[in-house]
Amino acid sequence: MVEFVLFVIFGIAAIYGGVTMVWARNPVYSAMGLMLTLFSVAVFYVSNAGHFVAAVHVIVYAGAVMTLFLFVIMLIGVDRAEDFSENLPLQRTLSLVLLALFGAAVLVAGRLDWANGPHTTGDPVNGTVEAIGDELFRRWLLPFEMTALLLIIAAAGTVALAHFRRSQEEEEEEAS
């Protein structure tokens, strides 16, 4: 029952994050929606006993890749003024309540028994560091490297487009 409730809650959060990512006008809000979706997917990994995959997912995607995306977004949108008016009056209160609920969930989860040793069945255990490393560096090495290359090219292209756009705007200002 607990797994079903977590699935529903984080399924709704993943869908909300995906919709926010697509429909947000502000690119920072769009990146935050993507981050919510990534954290929800990490919870799905944990609920399916993929703790290592969830940790790597949070560290790599929600940590490093999203930091890169936010850096590129901030680099592109430096010249625009932001509206600092309070649009969501209950946002701070709701975030504090959610923070308290998350802290309580962490405390409850800390008191549960966790399987932290190898299984003794003799079968190869899926989800261990050895099994994932073996699969990653034997079977999935080329797709892994291609994904890394694609992310680097996308970030470099974004920076190049931002620089090209600024150069055109500077030339137009000098001409007038």
Protein backbone atom coordinates (compact mmCIF):
# COMPACT_ATOMS: atom_id res chain seq x y z
CA MET A 1 0.00 0.00 0.00
CA VAL A 2 2.85 2.37 0.82
CA GLU A 3 4.43 1.73 -2.58
CA PHE A 4 1.15 2.50 -4.32
CA VAL A 5 0.76 5.80 -2.42
CA LEU A 6 4.36 6.78 -3.23
CA PHE A 7 3.82 5.83 -6.87
CA VAL A 8 0.69 7.98 -7.12
CA ILE A 9 2.26 10.97 -5.35
CA PHE A 10 5.50 10.93 -7.32
CA GLY A 11 3.70 9.98 -10.55
CA ILE A 12 1.62 13.13 -10.23
CA ALA A 13 4.79 15.08 -9.36
CA ALA A 14 6.57 13.68 -12.44
CA ILE A 15 3.67 14.59 -14.71
CA TYR A 16 3.42 18.07 -13.17
CA GLY A 17 7.17 18.56 -13.61
CA GLY A 18 6.99 17.45 -17.24
CA VAL A 19 4.07 19.77 -18.00
CA THR A 20 5.85 22.63 -16.22
CA MET A 21 8.99 21.95 -18.22
CA VAL A 22 7.10 22.20 -21.51
CA TRP A 23 4.68 25.04 -20.76
CA ALA A 24 6.69 27.39 -18.54
CA ARG A 25 7.51 30.70 -20.17
CA ASN A 26 10.52 31.28 -17.95
CA PRO A 27 13.35 28.87 -18.82
CA VAL A 28 14.43 28.64 -15.18
CA TYR A 29 10.97 27.40 -14.21
CA SER A 30 11.17 24.96 -17.08
CA ALA A 31 14.48 23.61 -15.76
CA MET A 32 13.01 23.33 -12.27
CA GLY A 33 10.11 21.32 -13.70
CA LEU A 34 12.62 18.99 -15.32
CA MET A 35 14.41 18.65 -11.99
CA LEU A 36 11.13 17.70 -10.28
CA THR A 37 10.59 15.03 -12.91
CA LEU A 38 14.13 13.71 -12.44
CA PHE A 39 13.70 13.47 -8.66
CA SER A 40 10.39 11.65 -9.14
CA VAL A 41 12.04 9.13 -11.44
CA ALA A 42 14.74 8.61 -8.78
CA VAL A 43 12.00 7.75 -6.29
CA PHE A 44 10.66 5.21 -8.78
CA TYR A 45 14.13 3.63 -8.92
CA VAL A 46 14.25 3.40 -5.12
CA SER A 47 10.81 1.82 -4.97
CA ASN A 48 12.04 -0.86 -7.41
CA ALA A 49 15.15 -1.57 -5.25
CA GLY A 50 17.54 0.27 -7.56
CA HIS A 51 19.16 2.37 -4.84
CA PHE A 52 22.48 2.78 -6.60
CA VAL A 53 20.82 3.73 -9.88
CA ALA A 54 18.66 6.27 -8.01
CA ALA A 55 21.70 7.80 -6.31
CA VAL A 56 23.62 8.04 -9.58
CA HIS A 57 20.52 9.45 -11.29
CA VAL A 58 20.23 12.22 -8.70
CA ILE A 59 23.96 12.98 -8.69
CA VAL A 60 24.47 12.96 -12.46
CA TYR A 61 21.20 14.23 -13.91
CA ALA A 62 19.60 16.30 -11.17
CA GLY A 63 22.98 17.50 -9.99
CA ALA A 64 25.52 17.92 -12.75
CA VAL A 65 23.39 18.09 -15.89
CA MET A 66 20.79 20.39 -14.36
CA THR A 67 23.54 22.65 -13.02
CA LEU A 68 24.91 22.84 -16.55
CA PHE A 69 21.46 23.59 -17.98
CA LEU A 70 20.80 26.29 -15.40
CA PHE A 71 24.22 27.81 -16.07
CA VAL A 72 23.50 27.97 -19.81
CA ILE A 73 20.02 29.39 -19.18
CA MET A 74 21.41 32.06 -16.89
CA LEU A 75 24.14 32.85 -19.44
CA ILE A 76 21.58 33.37 -22.19
CA GLY A 77 19.01 35.33 -20.19
CA VAL A 78 21.27 37.81 -18.40
CA ASP A 79 20.01 40.90 -20.20
CA ARG A 80 16.32 40.57 -19.24
CA ALA A 81 14.79 42.18 -16.17
CA GLU A 82 12.82 39.92 -13.85
CA ASP A 83 9.48 40.64 -12.23
CA PHE A 84 9.94 40.23 -8.45
CA SER A 85 6.28 40.57 -7.50
CA GLU A 86 4.80 37.80 -5.35
CA ASN A 87 2.55 35.74 -7.64
CA LEU A 88 2.07 32.77 -5.34
CA PRO A 89 1.28 34.01 -1.81
CA LEU A 90 1.09 30.51 -0.28
CA GLN A 91 4.29 29.28 -1.89
CA ARG A 92 6.54 29.81 1.14
CA THR A 93 4.07 28.25 3.55
CA LEU A 94 3.49 25.28 1.26
CA SER A 95 7.23 24.75 0.77
CA LEU A 96 7.82 24.79 4.55
CA VAL A 97 5.03 22.24 5.06
CA LEU A 98 6.48 20.03 2.32
CA LEU A 99 9.94 20.39 3.85
CA ALA A 100 8.60 19.28 7.24
CA LEU A 101 6.83 16.29 5.63
CA PHE A 102 9.99 15.34 3.76
CA GLY A 103 12.04 15.59 6.96
CA ALA A 104 9.54 13.38 8.78
CA ALA A 105 9.68 10.85 5.92
CA VAL A 106 13.48 10.81 6.12
CA LEU A 107 13.34 10.19 9.88
CA VAL A 108 10.81 7.38 9.45
CA ALA A 109 12.84 5.83 6.62
CA GLY A 110 15.98 6.04 8.77
CA ARG A 111 14.39 3.84 11.41
CA LEU A 112 13.46 1.07 8.95
CA ASP A 113 15.64 -1.94 8.29
CA TRP A 114 17.67 -1.55 5.13
CA ALA A 115 19.31 -4.35 3.20
CA ASN A 116 22.92 -3.27 3.03
CA GLY A 117 24.75 -6.50 2.31
CA PRO A 118 25.05 -8.84 -0.62
CA HIS A 119 22.35 -11.42 -1.21
CA THR A 120 23.36 -14.96 -0.36
CA THR A 121 21.36 -16.73 -3.06
CA GLY A 122 24.32 -17.07 -5.39
CA ASP A 123 22.44 -15.46 -8.27
CA PRO A 124 23.93 -12.36 -9.88
CA VAL A 125 22.30 -9.41 -8.20
CA ASN A 126 20.83 -6.77 -10.46
CA GLY A 127 21.39 -3.23 -9.28
CA THR A 128 24.74 -3.74 -7.58
CA VAL A 129 27.67 -1.56 -8.48
CA GLU A 130 29.48 -4.49 -10.09
CA ALA A 131 26.51 -5.54 -12.23
CA ILE A 132 25.82 -1.98 -13.36
CA GLY A 133 29.48 -1.30 -14.12
CA ASP A 134 29.76 -4.53 -16.07
CA GLU A 135 26.67 -3.69 -18.17
CA LEU A 136 27.64 -0.04 -18.59
CA PHE A 137 31.23 -0.60 -19.75
CA ARG A 138 30.56 -3.67 -21.88
CA ARG A 139 27.12 -3.48 -23.44
CA TRP A 140 26.16 0.20 -23.13
CA LEU A 141 29.49 2.00 -23.53
CA LEU A 142 28.77 3.46 -26.99
CA PRO A 143 25.27 4.81 -26.12
CA PHE A 144 26.66 6.21 -22.84
CA GLU A 145 29.47 8.03 -24.64
CA MET A 146 27.12 9.25 -27.39
CA THR A 147 24.76 10.71 -24.77
CA ALA A 148 27.65 12.52 -23.10
CA LEU A 149 28.81 13.85 -26.48
CA LEU A 150 25.28 14.97 -27.36
CA LEU A 151 24.97 16.91 -24.08
CA ILE A 152 28.32 18.61 -24.65
CA ILE A 153 27.39 19.57 -28.23
CA ALA A 154 24.00 20.91 -27.06
CA ALA A 155 25.60 23.06 -24.37
CA ALA A 156 28.29 24.38 -26.73
CA GLY A 157 25.67 25.13 -29.40
CA THR A 158 23.54 27.01 -26.90
CA VAL A 159 26.47 29.15 -25.81
CA ALA A 160 27.42 29.79 -29.45
CA LEU A 161 23.85 30.82 -30.34
CA ALA A 162 23.70 33.15 -27.34
CA HIS A 163 27.02 34.75 -28.34
CA PHE A 164 25.92 35.08 -31.99
CA ARG A 165 22.62 36.70 -30.94
CA ARG A 166 24.40 39.18 -28.67
CA SER A 167 26.86 40.08 -31.44
CA GLN A 168 23.97 40.88 -33.81
CA GLU A 169 22.23 43.02 -31.18
CA GLU A 170 25.45 44.93 -30.49
CA GLU A 171 25.92 45.60 -34.24
CA GLU A 172 22.32 46.84 -34.53
CA GLU A 173 22.82 49.19 -31.57
CA GLU A 174 26.03 50.58 -33.08
CA ALA A 175 24.31 51.13 -36.44
CA SER A 176 21.47 53.15 -34.95
